[in-house]
Structures are given as C-alpha cells and as structure tokens.
Amino acid sequence: MAKIAFWITAGPELAEKVLPNLVMAERLKKQRGQEVEVYFFGPGIRLAAEAEGRMKEAIEALRSADIPMRACPAIADQYGVSARMTEQGIVLEPAGQVLVQLVESGYQVVGV
C-alpha cells in the first residue's frame, strides 16, 4: 500500500493548481484504499482558511473521507486564521515535526 502526503504550499491565487491534488488525495483513499495525508504550509494555509466553492467542497470531502489534514500553527497564527483552520478539521502541528514523522513513516511527500 502506498503512503502519500500532499504538502500544499500554493496560496489562493493558485487554487486551480491545488484543487486536482486534493481531489486525487480523496480518490486515492476512497477508491484505492491508500494511506493519504494533507499538510498545509506557508501560503497554503491561506488557501485552506479562505476556501470557497470547489476548494471548500474538496476540503470537506477530505474530512468526510477521514483523511488527516494538518497545518503549521506558527504560520496560521501569523495569518490570524488558527480558529478557522481548526473549525475545518485541520489539526495544527509544527511543520518540521510532521515532515520528519511522514518521512520516517514511509510517506512519499508530494509538493504542490
């Protein structure tokens, strides 16, 4: 079984680039039973926090599929969106800690 982590660093202006990756994450889990996680970092935090329309639907689909979603608490604080992130089911955990954990657990990290 593959283990894939999508590391989202693209901001709201690149939503069309990120959206297919979030859809793929959900499909990999639901249709293929793969282990998938999503981590929002840098401008990707704004993308998640400001999600509307199809992006919001994609994040809701990830949550419904029980795909772990995490984000950097320091950057979420800088943008003032920590509460909004946690309301969406996104857990705030330090990026360095999460990245090491993913790699040590055998995940392939895909950056977007």
N, C-alpha and C. Protein backbone atom coordinates (compact mmCIF):
# COMPACT_ATOMS: atom_id res chain seq x y z
N MET A 1 0.84 -1.18 0.00
CA MET A 1 0.00 0.00 0.00
C MET A 1 0.89 1.24 0.00
N ALA A 2 0.53 2.17 -0.83
CA ALA A 2 1.28 3.43 -0.91
C ALA A 2 0.89 4.34 0.24
N LYS A 3 1.84 5.17 0.64
CA LYS A 3 1.60 6.21 1.64
C LYS A 3 1.99 7.52 0.98
N ILE A 4 1.02 8.41 0.83
CA ILE A 4 1.25 9.65 0.09
C ILE A 4 0.80 10.84 0.94
N ALA A 5 1.67 11.83 1.05
CA ALA A 5 1.34 13.07 1.75
C ALA A 5 1.41 14.22 0.76
N PHE A 6 0.34 14.96 0.66
CA PHE A 6 0.31 16.15 -0.19
C PHE A 6 0.68 17.36 0.67
N TRP A 7 1.79 18.02 0.32
CA TRP A 7 2.32 19.16 1.07
C TRP A 7 1.93 20.40 0.28
N ILE A 8 0.91 21.11 0.74
CA ILE A 8 0.31 22.22 0.00
C ILE A 8 0.93 23.55 0.43
N THR A 9 1.70 24.16 -0.47
CA THR A 9 2.32 25.46 -0.19
C THR A 9 1.78 26.57 -1.10
N ALA A 10 0.98 26.22 -2.08
CA ALA A 10 0.44 27.21 -3.01
C ALA A 10 -0.70 27.98 -2.34
N GLY A 11 -0.72 29.27 -2.56
CA GLY A 11 -1.74 30.13 -1.97
C GLY A 11 -3.01 30.21 -2.79
N PRO A 12 -3.94 31.06 -2.37
CA PRO A 12 -5.25 31.17 -3.03
C PRO A 12 -5.17 31.49 -4.52
N GLU A 13 -4.13 32.22 -4.92
CA GLU A 13 -4.02 32.57 -6.34
C GLU A 13 -3.69 31.36 -7.22
N LEU A 14 -3.31 30.24 -6.61
CA LEU A 14 -3.01 29.01 -7.35
C LEU A 14 -3.99 27.89 -7.00
N ALA A 15 -5.19 28.27 -6.63
CA ALA A 15 -6.20 27.28 -6.23
C ALA A 15 -6.46 26.24 -7.32
N GLU A 16 -6.48 26.67 -8.56
CA GLU A 16 -6.74 25.73 -9.66
C GLU A 16 -5.62 24.70 -9.80
N LYS A 17 -4.44 25.01 -9.35
CA LYS A 17 -3.33 24.06 -9.36
C LYS A 17 -3.46 23.06 -8.21
N VAL A 18 -3.94 23.52 -7.08
CA VAL A 18 -4.05 22.69 -5.88
C VAL A 18 -5.27 21.77 -5.94
N LEU A 19 -6.38 22.26 -6.44
CA LEU A 19 -7.64 21.53 -6.41
C LEU A 19 -7.54 20.09 -6.94
N PRO A 20 -6.93 19.85 -8.10
CA PRO A 20 -6.85 18.47 -8.57
C PRO A 20 -6.09 17.55 -7.62
N ASN A 21 -5.12 18.10 -6.90
CA ASN A 21 -4.36 17.30 -5.94
C ASN A 21 -5.21 16.90 -4.74
N LEU A 22 -6.05 17.80 -4.27
CA LEU A 22 -6.93 17.48 -3.16
C LEU A 22 -7.97 16.44 -3.58
N VAL A 23 -8.48 16.58 -4.79
CA VAL A 23 -9.44 15.60 -5.32
C VAL A 23 -8.75 14.24 -5.45
N MET A 24 -7.52 14.24 -5.95
CA MET A 24 -6.78 13.00 -6.08
C MET A 24 -6.54 12.35 -4.72
N ALA A 25 -6.22 13.15 -3.71
CA ALA A 25 -6.00 12.63 -2.37
C ALA A 25 -7.23 11.87 -1.89
N GLU A 26 -8.39 12.48 -2.06
CA GLU A 26 -9.63 11.83 -1.63
C GLU A 26 -9.87 10.54 -2.41
N ARG A 27 -9.66 10.57 -3.71
CA ARG A 27 -9.90 9.38 -4.54
C ARG A 27 -8.92 8.26 -4.23
N LEU A 28 -7.67 8.61 -3.96
CA LEU A 28 -6.69 7.58 -3.60
C LEU A 28 -7.13 6.83 -2.35
N LYS A 29 -7.70 7.56 -1.42
CA LYS A 29 -8.16 6.93 -0.17
C LYS A 29 -9.43 6.13 -0.40
N LYS A 30 -10.43 6.75 -1.02
CA LYS A 30 -11.74 6.12 -1.14
C LYS A 30 -11.77 5.00 -2.18
N GLN A 31 -11.12 5.20 -3.31
CA GLN A 31 -11.22 4.23 -4.39
C GLN A 31 -10.11 3.18 -4.38
N ARG A 32 -8.96 3.53 -3.78
CA ARG A 32 -7.83 2.61 -3.81
C ARG A 32 -7.36 2.17 -2.43
N GLY A 33 -7.93 2.76 -1.39
CA GLY A 33 -7.57 2.38 -0.04
C GLY A 33 -6.16 2.75 0.39
N GLN A 34 -5.58 3.76 -0.25
CA GLN A 34 -4.23 4.18 0.07
C GLN A 34 -4.21 5.06 1.32
N GLU A 35 -3.07 5.07 1.99
CA GLU A 35 -2.89 5.97 3.13
C GLU A 35 -2.51 7.34 2.60
N VAL A 36 -3.30 8.34 2.95
CA VAL A 36 -3.11 9.69 2.42
C VAL A 36 -3.22 10.70 3.55
N GLU A 37 -2.38 11.73 3.49
CA GLU A 37 -2.46 12.86 4.41
C GLU A 37 -2.28 14.14 3.60
N VAL A 38 -2.75 15.24 4.18
CA VAL A 38 -2.59 16.56 3.55
C VAL A 38 -2.04 17.52 4.60
N TYR A 39 -1.01 18.28 4.21
CA TYR A 39 -0.43 19.27 5.13
C TYR A 39 -0.41 20.62 4.42
N PHE A 40 -0.97 21.64 5.07
CA PHE A 40 -0.99 23.00 4.54
C PHE A 40 0.13 23.79 5.20
N PHE A 41 0.94 24.44 4.36
CA PHE A 41 2.11 25.17 4.85
C PHE A 41 2.26 26.47 4.08
N GLY A 42 2.81 27.48 4.72
CA GLY A 42 3.03 28.77 4.05
C GLY A 42 1.71 29.31 3.51
N PRO A 43 1.73 29.83 2.27
CA PRO A 43 0.51 30.38 1.67
C PRO A 43 -0.62 29.35 1.54
N GLY A 44 -0.27 28.07 1.59
CA GLY A 44 -1.30 27.03 1.54
C GLY A 44 -2.27 27.13 2.71
N ILE A 45 -1.82 27.71 3.79
CA ILE A 45 -2.70 27.91 4.95
C ILE A 45 -3.79 28.93 4.60
N ARG A 46 -3.41 29.99 3.92
CA ARG A 46 -4.42 30.96 3.48
C ARG A 46 -5.40 30.31 2.51
N LEU A 47 -4.89 29.46 1.63
CA LEU A 47 -5.74 28.76 0.67
C LEU A 47 -6.83 27.98 1.40
N ALA A 48 -6.45 27.23 2.42
CA ALA A 48 -7.41 26.43 3.18
C ALA A 48 -8.35 27.32 4.00
N ALA A 49 -7.78 28.33 4.64
CA ALA A 49 -8.58 29.19 5.51
C ALA A 49 -9.61 30.01 4.73
N GLU A 50 -9.26 30.39 3.52
CA GLU A 50 -10.15 31.22 2.70
C GLU A 50 -10.95 30.40 1.69
N ALA A 51 -10.95 29.08 1.84
CA ALA A 51 -11.58 28.19 0.87
C ALA A 51 -13.05 28.53 0.64
N GLU A 52 -13.40 28.58 -0.63
CA GLU A 52 -14.78 28.80 -1.05
C GLU A 52 -15.07 27.90 -2.24
N GLY A 53 -16.31 27.70 -2.53
CA GLY A 53 -16.70 26.96 -3.73
C GLY A 53 -16.09 25.57 -3.78
N ARG A 54 -15.50 25.25 -4.92
CA ARG A 54 -14.94 23.91 -5.14
C ARG A 54 -13.82 23.58 -4.17
N MET A 55 -13.03 24.57 -3.77
CA MET A 55 -11.96 24.32 -2.81
C MET A 55 -12.54 23.94 -1.46
N LYS A 56 -13.56 24.63 -1.03
CA LYS A 56 -14.21 24.30 0.24
C LYS A 56 -14.81 22.90 0.17
N GLU A 57 -15.44 22.57 -0.95
CA GLU A 57 -16.02 21.24 -1.13
C GLU A 57 -14.94 20.16 -1.07
N ALA A 58 -13.78 20.43 -1.65
CA ALA A 58 -12.68 19.46 -1.65
C ALA A 58 -12.18 19.23 -0.22
N ILE A 59 -12.06 20.29 0.56
CA ILE A 59 -11.61 20.15 1.95
C ILE A 59 -12.64 19.38 2.77
N GLU A 60 -13.92 19.66 2.54
CA GLU A 60 -14.98 18.93 3.23
C GLU A 60 -14.96 17.45 2.84
N ALA A 61 -14.66 17.16 1.57
CA ALA A 61 -14.59 15.77 1.12
C ALA A 61 -13.42 15.04 1.78
N LEU A 62 -12.29 15.74 1.96
CA LEU A 62 -11.15 15.14 2.66
C LEU A 62 -11.53 14.79 4.09
N ARG A 63 -12.20 15.72 4.74
CA ARG A 63 -12.63 15.49 6.13
C ARG A 63 -13.61 14.32 6.19
N SER A 64 -14.54 14.27 5.27
CA SER A 64 -15.53 13.18 5.24
C SER A 64 -14.88 11.83 4.98
N ALA A 65 -13.78 11.82 4.24
CA ALA A 65 -13.06 10.58 3.93
C ALA A 65 -12.07 10.21 5.04
N ASP A 66 -12.09 10.96 6.13
CA ASP A 66 -11.17 10.73 7.26
C ASP A 66 -9.70 10.80 6.86
N ILE A 67 -9.40 11.73 5.97
CA ILE A 67 -8.01 11.98 5.57
C ILE A 67 -7.43 13.01 6.52
N PRO A 68 -6.37 12.66 7.24
CA PRO A 68 -5.77 13.64 8.16
C PRO A 68 -5.31 14.89 7.42
N MET A 69 -5.72 16.03 7.94
CA MET A 69 -5.29 17.32 7.41
C MET A 69 -4.62 18.07 8.56
N ARG A 70 -3.44 18.58 8.29
CA ARG A 70 -2.70 19.32 9.32
C ARG A 70 -2.14 20.59 8.70
N ALA A 71 -1.73 21.51 9.57
CA ALA A 71 -1.17 22.78 9.13
C ALA A 71 -0.23 23.32 10.20
N CYS A 72 0.64 24.21 9.78
CA CYS A 72 1.62 24.82 10.67
C CYS A 72 0.95 25.84 11.60
N PRO A 73 1.04 25.63 12.91
CA PRO A 73 0.40 26.57 13.83
C PRO A 73 1.04 27.96 13.83
N ALA A 74 2.34 28.04 13.64
CA ALA A 74 3.01 29.34 13.66
C ALA A 74 2.54 30.21 12.50
N ILE A 75 2.44 29.61 11.33
CA ILE A 75 2.01 30.39 10.15
C ILE A 75 0.52 30.69 10.24
N ALA A 76 -0.27 29.76 10.75
CA ALA A 76 -1.70 30.02 10.93
C ALA A 76 -1.89 31.20 11.88
N ASP A 77 -1.08 31.28 12.93
CA ASP A 77 -1.13 32.42 13.85
C ASP A 77 -0.75 33.71 13.14
N GLN A 78 0.30 33.65 12.31
CA GLN A 78 0.74 34.85 11.58
C GLN A 78 -0.38 35.40 10.69
N TYR A 79 -1.12 34.49 10.05
CA TYR A 79 -2.22 34.91 9.18
C TYR A 79 -3.50 35.21 9.98
N GLY A 80 -3.51 34.86 11.26
CA GLY A 80 -4.69 35.08 12.09
C GLY A 80 -5.85 34.15 11.74
N VAL A 81 -5.55 32.92 11.33
CA VAL A 81 -6.60 32.00 10.88
C VAL A 81 -6.61 30.68 11.65
N SER A 82 -5.98 30.63 12.80
CA SER A 82 -5.90 29.36 13.55
C SER A 82 -7.28 28.79 13.85
N ALA A 83 -8.19 29.62 14.33
CA ALA A 83 -9.53 29.14 14.67
C ALA A 83 -10.25 28.63 13.43
N ARG A 84 -10.12 29.33 12.33
CA ARG A 84 -10.78 28.91 11.10
C ARG A 84 -10.26 27.56 10.62
N MET A 85 -8.95 27.34 10.78
CA MET A 85 -8.35 26.07 10.37
C MET A 85 -8.92 24.92 11.20
N THR A 86 -8.94 25.10 12.51
CA THR A 86 -9.41 24.02 13.37
C THR A 86 -10.91 23.77 13.17
N GLU A 87 -11.67 24.82 12.85
CA GLU A 87 -13.10 24.65 12.56
C GLU A 87 -13.32 23.75 11.35
N GLN A 88 -12.36 23.73 10.44
CA GLN A 88 -12.45 22.90 9.23
C GLN A 88 -11.91 21.50 9.46
N GLY A 89 -11.51 21.20 10.68
CA GLY A 89 -10.98 19.88 10.97
C GLY A 89 -9.51 19.72 10.67
N ILE A 90 -8.81 20.84 10.51
CA ILE A 90 -7.38 20.83 10.23
C ILE A 90 -6.63 20.97 11.55
N VAL A 91 -5.81 19.99 11.85
CA VAL A 91 -5.07 19.95 13.11
C VAL A 91 -3.79 20.78 12.96
N LEU A 92 -3.49 21.60 13.94
CA LEU A 92 -2.30 22.43 13.90
C LEU A 92 -1.14 21.70 14.58
N GLU A 93 -0.11 21.37 13.78
CA GLU A 93 1.09 20.70 14.28
C GLU A 93 2.30 21.27 13.54
N PRO A 94 3.42 21.46 14.23
CA PRO A 94 4.61 22.07 13.62
C PRO A 94 5.10 21.33 12.38
N ALA A 95 5.44 22.10 11.36
CA ALA A 95 5.83 21.55 10.06
C ALA A 95 7.02 20.61 10.15
N GLY A 96 8.07 21.02 10.84
CA GLY A 96 9.26 20.18 10.92
C GLY A 96 8.96 18.83 11.55
N GLN A 97 8.20 18.85 12.61
CA GLN A 97 7.80 17.62 13.30
C GLN A 97 7.01 16.71 12.36
N VAL A 98 6.05 17.28 11.65
CA VAL A 98 5.20 16.50 10.76
C VAL A 98 6.00 15.94 9.59
N LEU A 99 6.83 16.77 8.99
CA LEU A 99 7.62 16.31 7.84
C LEU A 99 8.51 15.13 8.21
N VAL A 100 9.20 15.23 9.32
CA VAL A 100 10.06 14.12 9.77
C VAL A 100 9.22 12.88 10.04
N GLN A 101 8.09 13.07 10.70
CA GLN A 101 7.21 11.94 11.01
C GLN A 101 6.75 11.25 9.72
N LEU A 102 6.35 12.03 8.74
CA LEU A 102 5.88 11.45 7.47
C LEU A 102 6.98 10.65 6.78
N VAL A 103 8.16 11.24 6.69
CA VAL A 103 9.27 10.57 6.01
C VAL A 103 9.66 9.30 6.77
N GLU A 104 9.77 9.40 8.08
CA GLU A 104 10.14 8.23 8.87
C GLU A 104 9.08 7.13 8.81
N SER A 105 7.84 7.51 8.51
CA SER A 105 6.76 6.53 8.41
C SER A 105 6.60 5.98 7.00
N GLY A 106 7.49 6.39 6.10
CA GLY A 106 7.47 5.85 4.75
C GLY A 106 6.58 6.56 3.75
N TYR A 107 6.13 7.76 4.07
CA TYR A 107 5.29 8.50 3.13
C TYR A 107 6.15 9.11 2.01
N GLN A 108 5.58 9.14 0.82
CA GLN A 108 6.13 9.90 -0.30
C GLN A 108 5.48 11.28 -0.19
N VAL A 109 6.27 12.31 -0.08
CA VAL A 109 5.74 13.67 0.06
C VAL A 109 5.69 14.33 -1.30
N VAL A 110 4.49 14.77 -1.70
CA VAL A 110 4.26 15.42 -2.98
C VAL A 110 3.99 16.88 -2.71
N GLY A 111 4.82 17.77 -3.22
CA GLY A 111 4.64 19.20 -3.00
C GLY A 111 3.82 19.85 -4.08
N VAL A 112 2.92 20.73 -3.66
CA VAL A 112 2.08 21.48 -4.58
C VAL A 112 2.10 22.93 -4.17
